[in-house]
PDB file of N, CA and C in Angstrom:
ATOM      1  N   UNK A   1     -72.333 236.301 -76.796  1.00  0.00           N
ATOM      2  CA  UNK A   1     -71.167 236.669 -75.917  1.00  0.00           C
ATOM      3  C   UNK A   1     -69.933 236.681 -76.807  1.00  0.00           C
ATOM      4  N   UNK A   2     -69.086 237.529 -76.479  1.00  0.00           N
ATOM      5  CA  UNK A   2     -67.902 237.739 -77.176  1.00  0.00           C
ATOM      6  C   UNK A   2     -66.798 236.547 -76.863  1.00  0.00           C
ATOM      7  N   UNK A   3     -65.938 236.354 -77.846  1.00  0.00           N
ATOM      8  CA  UNK A   3     -64.870 235.244 -77.484  1.00  0.00           C
ATOM      9  C   UNK A   3     -64.043 235.654 -76.332  1.00  0.00           C
ATOM     10  N   UNK A   4     -63.622 236.940 -76.208  1.00  0.00           N
ATOM     11  CA  UNK A   4     -62.886 237.343 -75.084  1.00  0.00           C
ATOM     12  C   UNK A   4     -63.580 237.013 -73.871  1.00  0.00           C
ATOM     13  N   UNK A   5     -64.896 237.504 -73.561  1.00  0.00           N
ATOM     14  CA  UNK A   5     -65.641 237.282 -72.433  1.00  0.00           C
ATOM     15  C   UNK A   5     -65.623 235.825 -72.048  1.00  0.00           C
ATOM     16  N   UNK A   6     -65.875 234.990 -73.188  1.00  0.00           N
ATOM     17  CA  UNK A   6     -66.025 233.482 -73.030  1.00  0.00           C
ATOM     18  C   UNK A   6     -64.725 232.986 -72.543  1.00  0.00           C
ATOM     19  N   UNK A   7     -63.620 233.333 -73.023  1.00  0.00           N
ATOM     20  CA  UNK A   7     -62.291 233.059 -72.596  1.00  0.00           C
ATOM     21  C   UNK A   7     -62.067 233.262 -71.108  1.00  0.00           C
ATOM     22  N   UNK A   8     -62.287 234.578 -70.808  1.00  0.00           N
ATOM     23  CA  UNK A   8     -62.256 235.095 -69.484  1.00  0.00           C
ATOM     24  C   UNK A   8     -63.049 234.295 -68.461  1.00  0.00           C
ATOM     25  N   UNK A   9     -64.138 233.810 -68.899  1.00  0.00           N
ATOM     26  CA  UNK A   9     -65.131 233.006 -68.033  1.00  0.00           C
ATOM     27  C   UNK A   9     -64.514 231.602 -67.791  1.00  0.00           C
ATOM     28  N   UNK A  10     -63.958 231.117 -68.903  1.00  0.00           N
ATOM     29  CA  UNK A  10     -63.262 229.793 -68.813  1.00  0.00           C
ATOM     30  C   UNK A  10     -62.114 229.812 -67.763  1.00  0.00           C
ATOM     31  N   UNK A  11     -61.397 230.917 -67.830  1.00  0.00           N
ATOM     32  CA  UNK A  11     -60.215 230.922 -67.051  1.00  0.00           C
ATOM     33  C   UNK A  11     -60.625 231.121 -65.616  1.00  0.00           C
ATOM     34  N   UNK A  12     -61.774 232.001 -65.453  1.00  0.00           N
ATOM     35  CA  UNK A  12     -62.226 232.139 -64.073  1.00  0.00           C
ATOM     36  C   UNK A  12     -62.752 230.835 -63.386  1.00  0.00           C
ATOM     37  N   UNK A  13     -63.370 229.887 -64.338  1.00  0.00           N
ATOM     38  CA  UNK A  13     -63.886 228.729 -63.917  1.00  0.00           C
ATOM     39  C   UNK A  13     -62.778 227.906 -63.510  1.00  0.00           C
ATOM     40  N   UNK A  14     -61.687 227.763 -64.241  1.00  0.00           N
ATOM     41  CA  UNK A  14     -60.413 227.008 -63.838  1.00  0.00           C
ATOM     42  C   UNK A  14     -60.022 227.425 -62.474  1.00  0.00           C
ATOM     43  N   UNK A  15     -59.959 228.827 -62.322  1.00  0.00           N
ATOM     44  CA  UNK A  15     -59.368 229.300 -61.060  1.00  0.00           C
ATOM     45  C   UNK A  15     -60.320 228.825 -59.925  1.00  0.00           C
ATOM     46  N   UNK A  16     -61.648 228.816 -60.077  1.00  0.00           N
ATOM     47  CA  UNK A  16     -62.617 228.469 -59.085  1.00  0.00           C
ATOM     48  C   UNK A  16     -62.188 226.851 -58.749  1.00  0.00           C
ATOM     49  N   UNK A  17     -62.071 226.194 -59.823  1.00  0.00           N
ATOM     50  CA  UNK A  17     -61.608 224.708 -59.497  1.00  0.00           C
ATOM     51  C   UNK A  17     -60.353 224.508 -58.745  1.00  0.00           C
ATOM     52  N   UNK A  18     -59.371 225.367 -59.044  1.00  0.00           N
ATOM     53  CA  UNK A  18     -58.225 225.333 -58.328  1.00  0.00           C
ATOM     54  C   UNK A  18     -58.154 225.649 -56.862  1.00  0.00           C
ATOM     55  N   UNK A  19     -59.137 226.717 -56.543  1.00  0.00           N
ATOM     56  CA  UNK A  19     -59.452 226.899 -55.162  1.00  0.00           C
ATOM     57  C   UNK A  19     -60.142 226.046 -54.403  1.00  0.00           C
ATOM     58  N   UNK A  20     -60.813 225.110 -55.175  1.00  0.00           N
ATOM     59  CA  UNK A  20     -61.713 224.069 -54.609  1.00  0.00           C
ATOM     60  C   UNK A  20     -62.929 224.550 -53.912  1.00  0.00           C
ATOM     61  N   UNK A  21     -63.489 225.648 -54.665  1.00  0.00           N
ATOM     62  CA  UNK A  21     -64.669 226.268 -54.416  1.00  0.00           C
ATOM     63  C   UNK A  21     -65.796 225.604 -55.035  1.00  0.00           C
ATOM     64  N   UNK A  22     -67.005 225.598 -54.557  1.00  0.00           N
ATOM     65  CA  UNK A  22     -68.072 225.154 -55.234  1.00  0.00           C
ATOM     66  C   UNK A  22     -68.952 226.224 -55.843  1.00  0.00           C
ATOM     67  N   UNK A  23     -68.971 226.351 -57.093  1.00  0.00           N
ATOM     68  CA  UNK A  23     -69.731 227.390 -57.906  1.00  0.00           C
ATOM     69  C   UNK A  23     -71.126 227.201 -57.672  1.00  0.00           C
ATOM     70  N   UNK A  24     -71.683 228.121 -57.053  1.00  0.00           N
ATOM     71  CA  UNK A  24     -73.318 228.024 -56.852  1.00  0.00           C
ATOM     72  C   UNK A  24     -74.033 228.691 -58.077  1.00  0.00           C
ATOM     73  N   UNK A  25     -73.581 229.872 -58.472  1.00  0.00           N
ATOM     74  CA  UNK A  25     -74.004 230.600 -59.541  1.00  0.00           C
ATOM     75  C   UNK A  25     -73.136 231.558 -60.130  1.00  0.00           C
ATOM     76  N   UNK A  26     -73.188 231.800 -61.516  1.00  0.00           N
ATOM     77  CA  UNK A  26     -72.534 232.830 -62.089  1.00  0.00           C
ATOM     78  C   UNK A  26     -73.383 233.867 -62.554  1.00  0.00           C
ATOM     79  N   UNK A  27     -73.137 235.135 -62.399  1.00  0.00           N
ATOM     80  CA  UNK A  27     -73.852 236.263 -62.709  1.00  0.00           C
ATOM     81  C   UNK A  27     -73.079 237.279 -63.535  1.00  0.00           C
ATOM     82  N   UNK A  28     -73.437 237.553 -64.708  1.00  0.00           N
ATOM     83  CA  UNK A  28     -72.801 238.344 -65.638  1.00  0.00           C
ATOM     84  C   UNK A  28     -73.437 239.823 -65.816  1.00  0.00           C
ATOM     85  N   UNK A  29     -72.753 240.915 -65.318  1.00  0.00           N
ATOM     86  CA  UNK A  29     -73.490 242.254 -65.607  1.00  0.00           C
ATOM     87  C   UNK A  29     -72.357 242.869 -66.523  1.00  0.00           C
ATOM     88  N   UNK A  30     -72.801 243.325 -67.676  1.00  0.00           N
ATOM     89  CA  UNK A  30     -72.002 244.180 -68.551  1.00  0.00           C
ATOM     90  C   UNK A  30     -71.701 245.460 -68.101  1.00  0.00           C
ATOM     91  N   UNK A  31     -70.723 246.075 -68.368  1.00  0.00           N
ATOM     92  CA  UNK A  31     -70.297 247.536 -67.905  1.00  0.00           C
ATOM     93  C   UNK A  31     -71.521 248.410 -68.091  1.00  0.00           C
ATOM     94  N   UNK A  32     -71.782 249.107 -66.812  1.00  0.00           N
ATOM     95  CA  UNK A  32     -72.965 249.997 -66.892  1.00  0.00           C
ATOM     96  C   UNK A  32     -74.313 249.241 -66.508  1.00  0.00           C
ATOM     97  N   UNK A  33     -74.246 248.001 -66.386  1.00  0.00           N
ATOM     98  CA  UNK A  33     -75.484 247.245 -65.745  1.00  0.00           C
ATOM     99  C   UNK A  33     -75.298 246.833 -64.443  1.00  0.00           C
ATOM    100  N   UNK A  34     -76.365 246.681 -63.746  1.00  0.00           N
ATOM    101  CA  UNK A  34     -76.186 246.185 -62.383  1.00  0.00           C
ATOM    102  C   UNK A  34     -77.348 245.174 -61.932  1.00  0.00           C
ATOM    103  N   UNK A  35     -78.122 244.618 -62.889  1.00  0.00           N
ATOM    104  CA  UNK A  35     -79.160 243.778 -62.476  1.00  0.00           C
ATOM    105  C   UNK A  35     -78.764 242.678 -61.748  1.00  0.00           C
ATOM    106  N   UNK A  36     -77.602 241.920 -62.040  1.00  0.00           N
ATOM    107  CA  UNK A  36     -77.214 240.950 -61.400  1.00  0.00           C
ATOM    108  C   UNK A  36     -76.707 241.132 -60.155  1.00  0.00           C
ATOM    109  N   UNK A  37     -75.994 242.329 -59.862  1.00  0.00           N
ATOM    110  CA  UNK A  37     -75.631 242.889 -58.607  1.00  0.00           C
ATOM    111  C   UNK A  37     -76.678 242.842 -57.589  1.00  0.00           C
ATOM    112  N   UNK A  38     -77.769 243.327 -58.052  1.00  0.00           N
ATOM    113  CA  UNK A  38     -78.827 243.624 -57.132  1.00  0.00           C
ATOM    114  C   UNK A  38     -79.713 242.308 -56.728  1.00  0.00           C
ATOM    115  N   UNK A  39     -79.277 241.090 -57.450  1.00  0.00           N
ATOM    116  CA  UNK A  39     -79.919 239.922 -56.938  1.00  0.00           C
ATOM    117  C   UNK A  39     -79.013 239.176 -55.781  1.00  0.00           C
ATOM    118  N   UNK A  40     -77.736 239.791 -55.581  1.00  0.00           N
ATOM    119  CA  UNK A  40     -77.054 239.121 -54.551  1.00  0.00           C
ATOM    120  C   UNK A  40     -77.556 239.167 -53.188  1.00  0.00           C
ATOM    121  N   UNK A  41     -78.232 240.225 -52.631  1.00  0.00           N
ATOM    122  CA  UNK A  41     -78.636 240.169 -51.262  1.00  0.00           C
ATOM    123  C   UNK A  41     -79.384 238.994 -50.872  1.00  0.00           C
ATOM    124  N   UNK A  42     -80.341 238.445 -51.829  1.00  0.00           N
ATOM    125  CA  UNK A  42     -81.092 237.407 -51.480  1.00  0.00           C
ATOM    126  C   UNK A  42     -80.267 235.997 -51.479  1.00  0.00           C
ATOM    127  N   UNK A  43     -79.186 236.009 -51.932  1.00  0.00           N
ATOM    128  CA  UNK A  43     -78.171 234.813 -51.790  1.00  0.00           C
ATOM    129  C   UNK A  43     -77.181 234.837 -51.031  1.00  0.00           C
ATOM    130  N   UNK A  44     -76.943 235.801 -50.364  1.00  0.00           N
ATOM    131  CA  UNK A  44     -75.841 235.950 -49.439  1.00  0.00           C
ATOM    132  C   UNK A  44     -75.690 234.907 -48.372  1.00  0.00           C
ATOM    133  N   UNK A  45     -76.817 234.344 -47.942  1.00  0.00           N
ATOM    134  CA  UNK A  45     -76.761 233.384 -46.821  1.00  0.00           C
ATOM    135  C   UNK A  45     -76.293 231.869 -47.236  1.00  0.00           C
ATOM    136  N   UNK A  46     -76.116 231.897 -48.552  1.00  0.00           N
ATOM    137  CA  UNK A  46     -75.576 230.591 -49.265  1.00  0.00           C
ATOM    138  C   UNK A  46     -74.202 230.630 -49.571  1.00  0.00           C
ATOM    139  N   UNK A  47     -73.608 231.870 -49.555  1.00  0.00           N
ATOM    140  CA  UNK A  47     -72.150 231.897 -50.080  1.00  0.00           C
ATOM    141  C   UNK A  47     -71.183 232.465 -49.078  1.00  0.00           C
ATOM    142  N   UNK A  48     -69.845 232.167 -49.476  1.00  0.00           N
ATOM    143  CA  UNK A  48     -68.816 232.677 -48.632  1.00  0.00           C
ATOM    144  C   UNK A  48     -67.791 233.674 -49.279  1.00  0.00           C
ATOM    145  N   UNK A  49     -67.863 233.560 -50.655  1.00  0.00           N
ATOM    146  CA  UNK A  49     -67.043 234.427 -51.494  1.00  0.00           C
ATOM    147  C   UNK A  49     -67.741 234.904 -52.598  1.00  0.00           C
ATOM    148  N   UNK A  50     -67.567 236.167 -52.858  1.00  0.00           N
ATOM    149  CA  UNK A  50     -68.019 236.699 -54.253  1.00  0.00           C
ATOM    150  C   UNK A  50     -66.788 236.980 -55.075  1.00  0.00           C
ATOM    151  N   UNK A  51     -66.705 236.295 -56.241  1.00  0.00           N
ATOM    152  CA  UNK A  51     -65.596 236.505 -57.042  1.00  0.00           C
ATOM    153  C   UNK A  51     -65.976 237.488 -58.175  1.00  0.00           C
ATOM    154  N   UNK A  52     -65.206 238.564 -58.254  1.00  0.00           N
ATOM    155  CA  UNK A  52     -65.725 239.477 -59.404  1.00  0.00           C
ATOM    156  C   UNK A  52     -64.300 239.584 -60.278  1.00  0.00           C
ATOM    157  N   UNK A  53     -64.581 239.853 -61.520  1.00  0.00           N
ATOM    158  CA  UNK A  53     -63.416 239.887 -62.439  1.00  0.00           C
ATOM    159  C   UNK A  53     -62.397 241.106 -61.977  1.00  0.00           C
ATOM    160  N   UNK A  54     -62.844 242.262 -61.941  1.00  0.00           N
ATOM    161  CA  UNK A  54     -62.065 243.370 -61.582  1.00  0.00           C
ATOM    162  C   UNK A  54     -62.855 244.372 -61.155  1.00  0.00           C
ATOM    163  N   UNK A  55     -62.725 244.943 -59.805  1.00  0.00           N
ATOM    164  CA  UNK A  55     -63.614 245.987 -59.344  1.00  0.00           C
ATOM    165  C   UNK A  55     -63.545 247.183 -60.055  1.00  0.00           C
ATOM    166  N   UNK A  56     -62.488 247.574 -60.942  1.00  0.00           N
ATOM    167  CA  UNK A  56     -62.393 248.608 -61.815  1.00  0.00           C
ATOM    168  C   UNK A  56     -63.481 248.539 -62.982  1.00  0.00           C
ATOM    169  N   UNK A  57     -64.128 247.366 -63.234  1.00  0.00           N
ATOM    170  CA  UNK A  57     -64.955 247.342 -64.150  1.00  0.00           C
ATOM    171  C   UNK A  57     -66.455 247.759 -63.659  1.00  0.00           C
ATOM    172  N   UNK A  58     -66.588 247.907 -62.292  1.00  0.00           N
ATOM    173  CA  UNK A  58     -67.812 248.428 -61.746  1.00  0.00           C
ATOM    174  C   UNK A  58     -67.630 249.964 -61.674  1.00  0.00           C
ATOM    175  N   UNK A  59     -68.235 250.566 -62.789  1.00  0.00           N
ATOM    176  CA  UNK A  59     -68.030 251.959 -63.170  1.00  0.00           C
ATOM    177  C   UNK A  59     -68.762 252.947 -62.142  1.00  0.00           C
ATOM    178  N   UNK A  60     -69.953 252.504 -61.599  1.00  0.00           N
ATOM    179  CA  UNK A  60     -70.802 253.249 -60.821  1.00  0.00           C
ATOM    180  C   UNK A  60     -70.315 253.086 -59.324  1.00  0.00           C
ATOM    181  N   UNK A  61     -69.867 254.110 -58.731  1.00  0.00           N
ATOM    182  CA  UNK A  61     -69.582 254.197 -57.363  1.00  0.00           C
ATOM    183  C   UNK A  61     -70.502 253.674 -56.291  1.00  0.00           C
ATOM    184  N   UNK A  62     -71.867 253.971 -56.634  1.00  0.00           N
ATOM    185  CA  UNK A  62     -72.854 253.397 -55.641  1.00  0.00           C
ATOM    186  C   UNK A  62     -72.954 251.739 -55.795  1.00  0.00           C
ATOM    187  N   UNK A  63     -72.806 251.257 -57.066  1.00  0.00           N
ATOM    188  CA  UNK A  63     -72.821 249.824 -57.071  1.00  0.00           C
ATOM    189  C   UNK A  63     -71.648 249.221 -56.330  1.00  0.00           C
ATOM    190  N   UNK A  64     -70.385 249.892 -56.453  1.00  0.00           N
ATOM    191  CA  UNK A  64     -69.246 249.247 -55.913  1.00  0.00           C
ATOM    192  C   UNK A  64     -69.355 249.231 -54.364  1.00  0.00           C
ATOM    193  N   UNK A  65     -69.903 250.415 -53.821  1.00  0.00           N
ATOM    194  CA  UNK A  65     -70.113 250.505 -52.343  1.00  0.00           C
ATOM    195  C   UNK A  65     -71.222 249.579 -51.718  1.00  0.00           C
ATOM    196  N   UNK A  66     -72.304 249.358 -52.749  1.00  0.00           N
ATOM    197  CA  UNK A  66     -73.321 248.336 -52.514  1.00  0.00           C
ATOM    198  C   UNK A  66     -72.806 246.963 -52.332  1.00  0.00           C
ATOM    199  N   UNK A  67     -72.005 246.603 -53.271  1.00  0.00           N
ATOM    200  CA  UNK A  67     -71.418 245.373 -53.269  1.00  0.00           C
ATOM    201  C   UNK A  67     -70.532 244.962 -51.921  1.00  0.00           C
ATOM    202  N   UNK A  68     -69.686 245.964 -51.650  1.00  0.00           N
ATOM    203  CA  UNK A  68     -68.839 245.839 -50.390  1.00  0.00           C
ATOM    204  C   UNK A  68     -69.609 245.883 -49.122  1.00  0.00           C
ATOM    205  N   UNK A  69     -70.713 246.682 -49.114  1.00  0.00           N
ATOM    206  CA  UNK A  69     -71.454 246.743 -47.879  1.00  0.00           C
ATOM    207  C   UNK A  69     -72.279 245.531 -47.549  1.00  0.00           C
ATOM    208  N   UNK A  70     -72.907 245.066 -48.771  1.00  0.00           N
ATOM    209  CA  UNK A  70     -73.835 243.880 -48.455  1.00  0.00           C
ATOM    210  C   UNK A  70     -72.765 242.688 -48.176  1.00  0.00           C
ATOM    211  N   UNK A  71     -71.653 242.655 -48.719  1.00  0.00           N
ATOM    212  CA  UNK A  71     -70.746 241.470 -48.495  1.00  0.00           C
ATOM    213  C   UNK A  71     -70.314 241.561 -46.875  1.00  0.00           C
ATOM    214  N   UNK A  72     -70.118 242.879 -46.509  1.00  0.00           N
ATOM    215  CA  UNK A  72     -69.506 243.110 -45.209  1.00  0.00           C
ATOM    216  C   UNK A  72     -70.691 242.690 -44.060  1.00  0.00           C
ATOM    217  N   UNK A  73     -71.885 242.965 -44.532  1.00  0.00           N
ATOM    218  CA  UNK A  73     -73.021 242.786 -43.672  1.00  0.00           C
ATOM    219  C   UNK A  73     -73.181 241.255 -43.263  1.00  0.00           C
ATOM    220  N   UNK A  74     -72.778 240.497 -44.344  1.00  0.00           N
ATOM    221  CA  UNK A  74     -73.095 239.007 -44.091  1.00  0.00           C
ATOM    222  C   UNK A  74     -71.796 238.216 -44.093  1.00  0.00           C
ATOM    223  N   UNK A  75     -70.661 238.881 -43.801  1.00  0.00           N
ATOM    224  CA  UNK A  75     -69.414 238.465 -43.570  1.00  0.00           C
ATOM    225  C   UNK A  75     -68.973 237.434 -44.711  1.00  0.00           C
ATOM    226  N   UNK A  76     -69.234 237.992 -45.967  1.00  0.00           N
ATOM    227  CA  UNK A  76     -68.799 237.295 -47.244  1.00  0.00           C
ATOM    228  C   UNK A  76     -67.651 238.146 -47.768  1.00  0.00           C
ATOM    229  N   UNK A  77     -66.656 237.404 -48.125  1.00  0.00           N
ATOM    230  CA  UNK A  77     -65.389 237.983 -48.772  1.00  0.00           C
ATOM    231  C   UNK A  77     -65.670 238.143 -50.391  1.00  0.00           C
ATOM    232  N   UNK A  78     -65.122 239.489 -50.755  1.00  0.00           N
ATOM    233  CA  UNK A  78     -65.031 239.771 -52.166  1.00  0.00           C
ATOM    234  C   UNK A  78     -63.718 239.596 -52.588  1.00  0.00           C
ATOM    235  N   UNK A  79     -63.557 238.916 -53.667  1.00  0.00           N
ATOM    236  CA  UNK A  79     -62.133 238.668 -54.126  1.00  0.00           C
ATOM    237  C   UNK A  79     -62.237 239.003 -55.596  1.00  0.00           C
ATOM    238  N   UNK A  80     -61.141 239.727 -56.010  1.00  0.00           N
ATOM    239  CA  UNK A  80     -61.005 240.156 -57.451  1.00  0.00           C
ATOM    240  C   UNK A  80     -60.109 238.988 -58.276  1.00  0.00           C
ATOM    241  N   UNK A  81     -60.714 238.446 -59.076  1.00  0.00           N
ATOM    242  CA  UNK A  81     -60.008 237.498 -60.038  1.00  0.00           C
ATOM    243  C   UNK A  81     -58.920 237.963 -60.692  1.00  0.00           C
ATOM    244  N   UNK A  82     -58.954 239.052 -61.230  1.00  0.00           N
ATOM    245  CA  UNK A  82     -57.930 239.832 -61.943  1.00  0.00           C
ATOM    246  C   UNK A  82     -56.569 240.111 -61.018  1.00  0.00           C
ATOM    247  N   UNK A  83     -56.821 240.497 -59.829  1.00  0.00           N
ATOM    248  CA  UNK A  83     -55.727 240.658 -59.025  1.00  0.00           C
ATOM    249  C   UNK A  83     -55.123 239.202 -58.425  1.00  0.00           C
ATOM    250  N   UNK A  84     -55.829 238.319 -58.278  1.00  0.00           N
ATOM    251  CA  UNK A  84     -55.554 237.043 -57.803  1.00  0.00           C
ATOM    252  C   UNK A  84     -54.635 236.390 -58.890  1.00  0.00           C
ATOM    253  N   UNK A  85     -54.937 236.555 -60.174  1.00  0.00           N
ATOM    254  CA  UNK A  85     -54.087 235.991 -61.181  1.00  0.00           C
ATOM    255  C   UNK A  85     -52.669 236.678 -61.301  1.00  0.00           C
ATOM    256  N   UNK A  86     -52.765 237.796 -60.982  1.00  0.00           N
ATOM    257  CA  UNK A  86     -51.407 238.720 -60.933  1.00  0.00           C
ATOM    258  C   UNK A  86     -50.436 238.058 -59.843  1.00  0.00           C
ATOM    259  N   UNK A  87     -51.054 237.572 -58.749  1.00  0.00           N
ATOM    260  CA  UNK A  87     -50.390 237.089 -57.608  1.00  0.00           C
ATOM    261  C   UNK A  87     -49.776 235.721 -57.804  1.00  0.00           C
ATOM    262  N   UNK A  88     -50.384 235.044 -58.867  1.00  0.00           N
ATOM    263  CA  UNK A  88     -49.936 233.655 -59.020  1.00  0.00           C
ATOM    264  C   UNK A  88     -48.891 233.526 -59.925  1.00  0.00           C
TER     265      UNK A  88
END
């Protein structure tokens, strides 16, 4: 894993702590990969928020639509870490 990715993950972990969320699991998909994304439906009953780094990193339109549709079907909020940090 690159230093940049590791650094971003550490910052996201700090953000999760500040929000006082309980981190159940972390899934990393590299650009163009969606293996982790497709494991989400089986976990949705356990979570309230899906935190993604930046929706612009999801380059496949089908995957982006899939993410938001499964979240909506289970009333799970999708938050973008990248945008949240800009607001702080």
